[in-house]
PDB file of all heavy atoms in Angstrom:
ATOM      1  N   THR A   1      21.656  13.094  46.208  1.00  0.00           N
ATOM      2  CA  THR A   1      20.291  12.809  46.634  1.00  0.00           C
ATOM      3  C   THR A   1      19.322  12.595  45.473  1.00  0.00           C
ATOM      4  O   THR A   1      18.230  12.067  45.662  1.00  0.00           O
ATOM      5  CB  THR A   1      19.733  13.946  47.503  1.00  0.00           C
ATOM      6  OG1 THR A   1      19.692  15.162  46.724  1.00  0.00           O
ATOM      7  CG2 THR A   1      20.611  14.178  48.730  1.00  0.00           C
ATOM      8  N   GLN A   2      19.703  12.989  44.254  1.00  0.00           N
ATOM      9  CA  GLN A   2      18.730  13.101  43.168  1.00  0.00           C
ATOM     10  C   GLN A   2      18.769  12.001  42.113  1.00  0.00           C
ATOM     11  O   GLN A   2      17.936  11.996  41.220  1.00  0.00           O
ATOM     12  CB  GLN A   2      18.913  14.446  42.466  1.00  0.00           C
ATOM     13  CG  GLN A   2      18.713  15.663  43.381  1.00  0.00           C
ATOM     14  CD  GLN A   2      17.389  15.649  44.090  1.00  0.00           C
ATOM     15  OE1 GLN A   2      17.344  15.557  45.302  1.00  0.00           O
ATOM     16  NE2 GLN A   2      16.300  15.738  43.354  1.00  0.00           N
ATOM     17  N   THR A   3      19.721  11.088  42.169  1.00  0.00           N
ATOM     18  CA  THR A   3      19.798  10.049  41.146  1.00  0.00           C
ATOM     19  C   THR A   3      18.561   9.155  41.206  1.00  0.00           C
ATOM     20  O   THR A   3      18.131   8.736  42.281  1.00  0.00           O
ATOM     21  CB  THR A   3      21.078   9.215  41.329  1.00  0.00           C
ATOM     22  OG1 THR A   3      22.204  10.074  41.122  1.00  0.00           O
ATOM     23  CG2 THR A   3      21.142   8.075  40.324  1.00  0.00           C
ATOM     24  N   GLY A   4      18.011   8.837  40.032  1.00  0.00           N
ATOM     25  CA  GLY A   4      16.711   8.183  39.938  1.00  0.00           C
ATOM     26  C   GLY A   4      16.701   6.685  40.103  1.00  0.00           C
ATOM     27  O   GLY A   4      16.046   5.975  39.337  1.00  0.00           O
ATOM     28  N   ILE A   5      17.408   6.190  41.118  1.00  0.00           N
ATOM     29  CA  ILE A   5      17.315   4.783  41.494  1.00  0.00           C
ATOM     30  C   ILE A   5      17.605   4.675  42.988  1.00  0.00           C
ATOM     31  O   ILE A   5      18.665   5.082  43.457  1.00  0.00           O
ATOM     32  CB  ILE A   5      18.278   3.896  40.665  1.00  0.00           C
ATOM     33  CG1 ILE A   5      18.094   2.408  41.026  1.00  0.00           C
ATOM     34  CG2 ILE A   5      19.718   4.331  40.807  1.00  0.00           C
ATOM     35  CD1 ILE A   5      18.822   1.453  40.085  1.00  0.00           C
ATOM     36  N   LYS A   6      16.638   4.171  43.724  1.00  0.00           N
ATOM     37  CA  LYS A   6      16.770   4.020  45.176  1.00  0.00           C
ATOM     38  C   LYS A   6      16.036   2.760  45.617  1.00  0.00           C
ATOM     39  O   LYS A   6      15.014   2.390  45.025  1.00  0.00           O
ATOM     40  CB  LYS A   6      16.203   5.241  45.899  1.00  0.00           C
ATOM     41  CG  LYS A   6      17.026   6.511  45.705  1.00  0.00           C
ATOM     42  CD  LYS A   6      16.413   7.701  46.425  1.00  0.00           C
ATOM     43  CE  LYS A   6      17.317   8.937  46.331  1.00  0.00           C
ATOM     44  NZ  LYS A   6      17.473   9.437  44.968  1.00  0.00           N
ATOM     45  N   LEU A   7      16.555   2.142  46.660  1.00  0.00           N
ATOM     46  CA  LEU A   7      15.983   0.907  47.184  1.00  0.00           C
ATOM     47  C   LEU A   7      15.691   1.089  48.666  1.00  0.00           C
ATOM     48  O   LEU A   7      16.523   1.627  49.411  1.00  0.00           O
ATOM     49  CB  LEU A   7      16.958  -0.257  46.975  1.00  0.00           C
ATOM     50  CG  LEU A   7      16.541  -1.610  47.553  1.00  0.00           C
ATOM     51  CD1 LEU A   7      15.536  -2.281  46.608  1.00  0.00           C
ATOM     52  CD2 LEU A   7      17.756  -2.507  47.748  1.00  0.00           C
ATOM     53  N   PHE A   8      14.530   0.606  49.107  1.00  0.00           N
ATOM     54  CA  PHE A   8      14.112   0.784  50.495  1.00  0.00           C
ATOM     55  C   PHE A   8      13.653  -0.537  51.099  1.00  0.00           C
ATOM     56  O   PHE A   8      13.088  -1.382  50.398  1.00  0.00           O
ATOM     57  CB  PHE A   8      12.927   1.763  50.582  1.00  0.00           C
ATOM     58  CG  PHE A   8      13.145   3.066  49.875  1.00  0.00           C
ATOM     59  CD1 PHE A   8      12.634   3.269  48.601  1.00  0.00           C
ATOM     60  CD2 PHE A   8      13.846   4.093  50.484  1.00  0.00           C
ATOM     61  CE1 PHE A   8      12.823   4.469  47.935  1.00  0.00           C
ATOM     62  CE2 PHE A   8      14.037   5.304  49.825  1.00  0.00           C
ATOM     63  CZ  PHE A   8      13.525   5.487  48.558  1.00  0.00           C
ATOM     64  N   ARG A   9      13.864  -0.686  52.410  1.00  0.00           N
ATOM     65  CA  ARG A   9      13.187  -1.744  53.142  1.00  0.00           C
ATOM     66  C   ARG A   9      11.767  -1.255  53.388  1.00  0.00           C
ATOM     67  O   ARG A   9      11.544  -0.276  54.097  1.00  0.00           O
ATOM     68  CB  ARG A   9      13.917  -2.025  54.456  1.00  0.00           C
ATOM     69  CG  ARG A   9      13.454  -3.324  55.136  1.00  0.00           C
ATOM     70  CD  ARG A   9      14.186  -3.534  56.451  1.00  0.00           C
ATOM     71  NE  ARG A   9      15.620  -3.674  56.254  1.00  0.00           N
ATOM     72  CZ  ARG A   9      16.244  -4.809  55.986  1.00  0.00           C
ATOM     73  NH1 ARG A   9      15.540  -5.933  55.877  1.00  0.00           N
ATOM     74  NH2 ARG A   9      17.552  -4.857  55.846  1.00  0.00           N
ATOM     75  N   THR A  10      10.808  -1.926  52.791  1.00  0.00           N
ATOM     76  CA  THR A  10       9.448  -1.406  52.680  1.00  0.00           C
ATOM     77  C   THR A  10       8.828  -1.058  54.023  1.00  0.00           C
ATOM     78  O   THR A  10       8.232   0.014  54.194  1.00  0.00           O
ATOM     79  CB  THR A  10       8.543  -2.390  51.922  1.00  0.00           C
ATOM     80  OG1 THR A  10       9.175  -2.757  50.685  1.00  0.00           O
ATOM     81  CG2 THR A  10       7.186  -1.777  51.624  1.00  0.00           C
ATOM     82  N   GLU A  11       8.918  -1.958  55.000  1.00  0.00           N
ATOM     83  CA  GLU A  11       8.256  -1.722  56.282  1.00  0.00           C
ATOM     84  C   GLU A  11       8.828  -0.509  57.010  1.00  0.00           C
ATOM     85  O   GLU A  11       8.134   0.132  57.820  1.00  0.00           O
ATOM     86  CB  GLU A  11       8.362  -2.967  57.162  1.00  0.00           C
ATOM     87  CG  GLU A  11       9.780  -3.299  57.607  1.00  0.00           C
ATOM     88  CD  GLU A  11       9.813  -4.439  58.610  1.00  0.00           C
ATOM     89  OE1 GLU A  11       8.747  -4.784  59.130  1.00  0.00           O
ATOM     90  OE2 GLU A  11      10.906  -4.982  58.868  1.00  0.00           O
ATOM     91  N   LYS A  12      10.092  -0.173  56.732  1.00  0.00           N
ATOM     92  CA  LYS A  12      10.722   0.962  57.396  1.00  0.00           C
ATOM     93  C   LYS A  12      10.393   2.291  56.716  1.00  0.00           C
ATOM     94  O   LYS A  12      10.298   3.334  57.368  1.00  0.00           O
ATOM     95  CB  LYS A  12      12.249   0.772  57.422  1.00  0.00           C
ATOM     96  CG  LYS A  12      12.718  -0.358  58.309  1.00  0.00           C
ATOM     97  CD  LYS A  12      12.506  -0.008  59.776  1.00  0.00           C
ATOM     98  CE  LYS A  12      13.127  -1.039  60.689  1.00  0.00           C
ATOM     99  NZ  LYS A  12      12.987  -0.698  62.120  1.00  0.00           N
ATOM    100  N   ILE A  13      10.230   2.255  55.405  1.00  0.00           N
ATOM    101  CA  ILE A  13      10.040   3.504  54.676  1.00  0.00           C
ATOM    102  C   ILE A  13       8.573   3.921  54.603  1.00  0.00           C
ATOM    103  O   ILE A  13       8.264   5.104  54.413  1.00  0.00           O
ATOM    104  CB  ILE A  13      10.646   3.410  53.259  1.00  0.00           C
ATOM    105  CG1 ILE A  13      11.148   4.776  52.802  1.00  0.00           C
ATOM    106  CG2 ILE A  13       9.654   2.818  52.252  1.00  0.00           C
ATOM    107  CD1 ILE A  13      12.254   5.355  53.624  1.00  0.00           C
ATOM    108  N   ARG A  14       7.657   2.975  54.790  1.00  0.00           N
ATOM    109  CA  ARG A  14       6.235   3.315  54.661  1.00  0.00           C
ATOM    110  C   ARG A  14       5.799   4.425  55.618  1.00  0.00           C
ATOM    111  O   ARG A  14       5.125   5.379  55.207  1.00  0.00           O
ATOM    112  CB  ARG A  14       5.380   2.053  54.847  1.00  0.00           C
ATOM    113  CG  ARG A  14       3.909   2.279  54.573  1.00  0.00           C
ATOM    114  CD  ARG A  14       3.115   1.003  54.621  1.00  0.00           C
ATOM    115  NE  ARG A  14       3.312   0.204  53.415  1.00  0.00           N
ATOM    116  CZ  ARG A  14       3.843  -1.004  53.395  1.00  0.00           C
ATOM    117  NH1 ARG A  14       4.254  -1.561  54.507  1.00  0.00           N
ATOM    118  NH2 ARG A  14       3.959  -1.672  52.255  1.00  0.00           N
ATOM    119  N   PRO A  15       6.144   4.358  56.924  1.00  0.00           N
ATOM    120  CA  PRO A  15       5.731   5.469  57.803  1.00  0.00           C
ATOM    121  C   PRO A  15       6.378   6.805  57.446  1.00  0.00           C
ATOM    122  O   PRO A  15       5.780   7.866  57.665  1.00  0.00           O
ATOM    123  CB  PRO A  15       6.176   4.998  59.197  1.00  0.00           C
ATOM    124  CG  PRO A  15       7.173   3.926  58.962  1.00  0.00           C
ATOM    125  CD  PRO A  15       6.773   3.274  57.685  1.00  0.00           C
ATOM    126  N   VAL A  16       7.580   6.780  56.887  1.00  0.00           N
ATOM    127  CA  VAL A  16       8.225   8.016  56.437  1.00  0.00           C
ATOM    128  C   VAL A  16       7.412   8.653  55.327  1.00  0.00           C
ATOM    129  O   VAL A  16       7.167   9.868  55.314  1.00  0.00           O
ATOM    130  CB  VAL A  16       9.668   7.751  55.967  1.00  0.00           C
ATOM    131  CG1 VAL A  16      10.289   9.016  55.377  1.00  0.00           C
ATOM    132  CG2 VAL A  16      10.523   7.227  57.117  1.00  0.00           C
ATOM    133  N   LEU A  17       6.955   7.840  54.395  1.00  0.00           N
ATOM    134  CA  LEU A  17       6.161   8.343  53.270  1.00  0.00           C
ATOM    135  C   LEU A  17       4.879   9.015  53.741  1.00  0.00           C
ATOM    136  O   LEU A  17       4.416   9.981  53.140  1.00  0.00           O
ATOM    137  CB  LEU A  17       5.826   7.196  52.320  1.00  0.00           C
ATOM    138  CG  LEU A  17       7.002   6.505  51.642  1.00  0.00           C
ATOM    139  CD1 LEU A  17       6.532   5.280  50.884  1.00  0.00           C
ATOM    140  CD2 LEU A  17       7.716   7.457  50.707  1.00  0.00           C
ATOM    141  N   LYS A  18       4.316   8.510  54.816  1.00  0.00           N
ATOM    142  CA  LYS A  18       3.024   9.018  55.273  1.00  0.00           C
ATOM    143  C   LYS A  18       3.106  10.394  55.937  1.00  0.00           C
ATOM    144  O   LYS A  18       2.079  11.053  56.110  1.00  0.00           O
ATOM    145  CB  LYS A  18       2.382   8.000  56.222  1.00  0.00           C
ATOM    146  CG  LYS A  18       1.941   6.726  55.507  1.00  0.00           C
ATOM    147  CD  LYS A  18       1.262   5.765  56.454  1.00  0.00           C
ATOM    148  CE  LYS A  18       0.790   4.511  55.712  1.00  0.00           C
ATOM    149  NZ  LYS A  18       0.092   3.546  56.602  1.00  0.00           N
ATOM    150  N   VAL A  19       4.318  10.824  56.312  1.00  0.00           N
ATOM    151  CA  VAL A  19       4.451  12.147  56.931  1.00  0.00           C
ATOM    152  C   VAL A  19       5.085  13.170  55.983  1.00  0.00           C
ATOM    153  O   VAL A  19       5.256  14.330  56.341  1.00  0.00           O
ATOM    154  CB  VAL A  19       5.270  12.082  58.242  1.00  0.00           C
ATOM    155  CG1 VAL A  19       4.607  11.136  59.226  1.00  0.00           C
ATOM    156  CG2 VAL A  19       6.715  11.676  57.984  1.00  0.00           C
ATOM    157  N   MET A  20       5.403  12.742  54.774  1.00  0.00           N
ATOM    158  CA  MET A  20       6.054  13.654  53.835  1.00  0.00           C
ATOM    159  C   MET A  20       5.084  14.681  53.260  1.00  0.00           C
ATOM    160  O   MET A  20       3.888  14.425  53.158  1.00  0.00           O
ATOM    161  CB  MET A  20       6.714  12.846  52.707  1.00  0.00           C
ATOM    162  CG  MET A  20       7.927  12.068  53.179  1.00  0.00           C
ATOM    163  SD  MET A  20       8.631  11.003  51.891  1.00  0.00           S
ATOM    164  CE  MET A  20       9.088  12.237  50.662  1.00  0.00           C
ATOM    165  N   LYS A  21       5.639  15.837  52.884  1.00  0.00           N
ATOM    166  CA  LYS A  21       4.823  16.942  52.390  1.00  0.00           C
ATOM    167  C   LYS A  21       5.060  17.283  50.927  1.00  0.00           C
ATOM    168  O   LYS A  21       4.184  17.824  50.266  1.00  0.00           O
ATOM    169  CB  LYS A  21       5.093  18.194  53.234  1.00  0.00           C
ATOM    170  CG  LYS A  21       4.779  18.034  54.716  1.00  0.00           C
ATOM    171  CD  LYS A  21       3.305  17.794  54.964  1.00  0.00           C
ATOM    172  CE  LYS A  21       2.997  17.726  56.450  1.00  0.00           C
ATOM    173  NZ  LYS A  21       1.571  17.397  56.701  1.00  0.00           N
ATOM    174  N   THR A  22       6.265  17.030  50.412  1.00  0.00           N
ATOM    175  CA  THR A  22       6.577  17.442  49.044  1.00  0.00           C
ATOM    176  C   THR A  22       6.104  16.396  48.046  1.00  0.00           C
ATOM    177  O   THR A  22       6.074  15.204  48.340  1.00  0.00           O
ATOM    178  CB  THR A  22       8.089  17.672  48.858  1.00  0.00           C
ATOM    179  OG1 THR A  22       8.797  16.476  49.223  1.00  0.00           O
ATOM    180  CG2 THR A  22       8.572  18.820  49.717  1.00  0.00           C
ATOM    181  N   GLY A  23       5.760  16.871  46.839  1.00  0.00           N
ATOM    182  CA  GLY A  23       5.225  15.946  45.840  1.00  0.00           C
ATOM    183  C   GLY A  23       5.981  15.911  44.546  1.00  0.00           C
ATOM    184  O   GLY A  23       5.660  15.118  43.663  1.00  0.00           O
ATOM    185  N   ARG A  24       7.008  16.768  44.397  1.00  0.00           N
ATOM    186  CA  ARG A  24       7.684  16.810  43.112  1.00  0.00           C
ATOM    187  C   ARG A  24       9.157  16.455  43.255  1.00  0.00           C
ATOM    188  O   ARG A  24       9.499  15.450  43.866  1.00  0.00           O
ATOM    189  CB  ARG A  24       7.446  18.180  42.460  1.00  0.00           C
ATOM    190  CG  ARG A  24       5.961  18.384  42.123  1.00  0.00           C
ATOM    191  CD  ARG A  24       5.682  19.592  41.272  1.00  0.00           C
ATOM    192  NE  ARG A  24       4.249  19.665  40.985  1.00  0.00           N
ATOM    193  CZ  ARG A  24       3.669  19.090  39.934  1.00  0.00           C
ATOM    194  NH1 ARG A  24       4.388  18.403  39.062  1.00  0.00           N
ATOM    195  NH2 ARG A  24       2.366  19.185  39.750  1.00  0.00           N
ATOM    196  N   PHE A  25      10.054  17.259  42.705  1.00  0.00           N
ATOM    197  CA  PHE A  25      11.451  16.843  42.617  1.00  0.00           C
ATOM    198  C   PHE A  25      12.185  16.856  43.956  1.00  0.00           C
ATOM    199  O   PHE A  25      13.273  16.301  44.059  1.00  0.00           O
ATOM    200  CB  PHE A  25      12.184  17.724  41.611  1.00  0.00           C
ATOM    201  CG  PHE A  25      11.696  17.549  40.201  1.00  0.00           C
ATOM    202  CD1 PHE A  25      10.945  18.527  39.582  1.00  0.00           C
ATOM    203  CD2 PHE A  25      11.978  16.388  39.499  1.00  0.00           C
ATOM    204  CE1 PHE A  25      10.479  18.367  38.282  1.00  0.00           C
ATOM    205  CE2 PHE A  25      11.523  16.200  38.206  1.00  0.00           C
ATOM    206  CZ  PHE A  25      10.778  17.192  37.590  1.00  0.00           C
ATOM    207  N   SER A  26      11.626  17.479  44.973  1.00  0.00           N
ATOM    208  CA  SER A  26      12.276  17.496  46.287  1.00  0.00           C
ATOM    209  C   SER A  26      11.938  16.268  47.113  1.00  0.00           C
ATOM    210  O   SER A  26      12.358  16.147  48.262  1.00  0.00           O
ATOM    211  CB  SER A  26      11.872  18.758  47.055  1.00  0.00           C
ATOM    212  OG  SER A  26      12.296  19.917  46.357  1.00  0.00           O
ATOM    213  N   PHE A  27      11.188  15.353  46.523  1.00  0.00           N
ATOM    214  CA  PHE A  27      10.817  14.106  47.194  1.00  0.00           C
ATOM    215  C   PHE A  27      12.050  13.394  47.735  1.00  0.00           C
ATOM    216  O   PHE A  27      12.081  12.925  48.881  1.00  0.00           O
ATOM    217  CB  PHE A  27      10.056  13.217  46.218  1.00  0.00           C
ATOM    218  CG  PHE A  27      10.015  11.762  46.586  1.00  0.00           C
ATOM    219  CD1 PHE A  27       9.059  11.295  47.471  1.00  0.00           C
ATOM    220  CD2 PHE A  27      10.934  10.868  46.060  1.00  0.00           C
ATOM    221  CE1 PHE A  27       9.017   9.952  47.828  1.00  0.00           C
ATOM    222  CE2 PHE A  27      10.898   9.538  46.400  1.00  0.00           C
ATOM    223  CZ  PHE A  27       9.935   9.072  47.289  1.00  0.00           C
ATOM    224  N   ASP A  28      13.088  13.285  46.912  1.00  0.00           N
ATOM    225  CA  ASP A  28      14.283  12.524  47.279  1.00  0.00           C
ATOM    226  C   ASP A  28      14.927  13.081  48.543  1.00  0.00           C
ATOM    227  O   ASP A  28      15.288  12.333  49.452  1.00  0.00           O
ATOM    228  CB  ASP A  28      15.308  12.543  46.143  1.00  0.00           C
ATOM    229  CG  ASP A  28      14.756  12.011  44.846  1.00  0.00           C
ATOM    230  OD1 ASP A  28      14.002  12.744  44.173  1.00  0.00           O
ATOM    231  OD2 ASP A  28      15.075  10.879  44.486  1.00  0.00           O
ATOM    232  N   ILE A  29      15.089  14.393  48.577  1.00  0.00           N
ATOM    233  CA  ILE A  29      15.765  15.003  49.729  1.00  0.00           C
ATOM    234  C   ILE A  29      14.925  14.867  50.986  1.00  0.00           C
ATOM    235  O   ILE A  29      15.462  14.649  52.090  1.00  0.00           O
ATOM    236  CB  ILE A  29      16.124  16.478  49.438  1.00  0.00           C
ATOM    237  CG1 ILE A  29      16.960  17.053  50.589  1.00  0.00           C
ATOM    238  CG2 ILE A  29      14.901  17.332  49.206  1.00  0.00           C
ATOM    239  CD1 ILE A  29      18.275  16.388  50.796  1.00  0.00           C
ATOM    240  N   GLU A  30      13.604  14.947  50.866  1.00  0.00           N
ATOM    241  CA  GLU A  30      12.770  14.839  52.055  1.00  0.00           C
ATOM    242  C   GLU A  30      12.824  13.437  52.646  1.00  0.00           C
ATOM    243  O   GLU A  30      12.967  13.268  53.868  1.00  0.00           O
ATOM    244  CB  GLU A  30      11.322  15.214  51.752  1.00  0.00           C
ATOM    245  CG  GLU A  30      10.466  15.224  53.013  1.00  0.00           C
ATOM    246  CD  GLU A  30       9.040  15.699  52.783  1.00  0.00           C
ATOM    247  OE1 GLU A  30       8.614  15.802  51.619  1.00  0.00           O
ATOM    248  OE2 GLU A  30       8.365  15.969  53.789  1.00  0.00           O
ATOM    249  N   ILE A  31      12.746  12.433  51.813  1.00  0.00           N
ATOM    250  CA  ILE A  31      12.755  11.062  52.330  1.00  0.00           C
ATOM    251  C   ILE A  31      14.099  10.733  52.982  1.00  0.00           C
ATOM    252  O   ILE A  31      14.168  10.066  54.015  1.00  0.00           O
ATOM    253  CB  ILE A  31      12.401  10.055  51.212  1.00  0.00           C
ATOM    254  CG1 ILE A  31      11.966   8.721  51.827  1.00  0.00           C
ATOM    255  CG2 ILE A  31      13.550   9.824  50.247  1.00  0.00           C
ATOM    256  CD1 ILE A  31      11.354   7.763  50.812  1.00  0.00           C
ATOM    257  N   LEU A  32      15.188  11.258  52.420  1.00  0.00           N
ATOM    258  CA  LEU A  32      16.509  11.015  52.989  1.00  0.00           C
ATOM    259  C   LEU A  32      16.728  11.829  54.262  1.00  0.00           C
ATOM    260  O   LEU A  32      17.351  11.349  55.219  1.00  0.00           O
ATOM    261  CB  LEU A  32      17.597  11.327  51.971  1.00  0.00           C
ATOM    262  CG  LEU A  32      17.644  10.414  50.743  1.00  0.00           C
ATOM    263  CD1 LEU A  32      18.689  10.911  49.741  1.00  0.00           C
ATOM    264  CD2 LEU A  32      17.935   8.978  51.140  1.00  0.00           C
ATOM    265  N   ALA A  33      16.209  13.044  54.292  1.00  0.00           N
ATOM    266  CA  ALA A  33      16.366  13.890  55.474  1.00  0.00           C
ATOM    267  C   ALA A  33      15.617  13.304  56.675  1.00  0.00           C
ATOM    268  O   ALA A  33      16.158  13.227  57.790  1.00  0.00           O
ATOM    269  CB  ALA A  33      15.876  15.303  55.186  1.00  0.00           C
TER     270      ALA A  33
END
């Protein structure tokens, strides 16, 4: 979950970003979960 390269379909990931709570290194796991 932690490797520093990821690609997203923008329109699909934008709403996910808006409900996320973490701001540091756990960002990756939250977006994938």
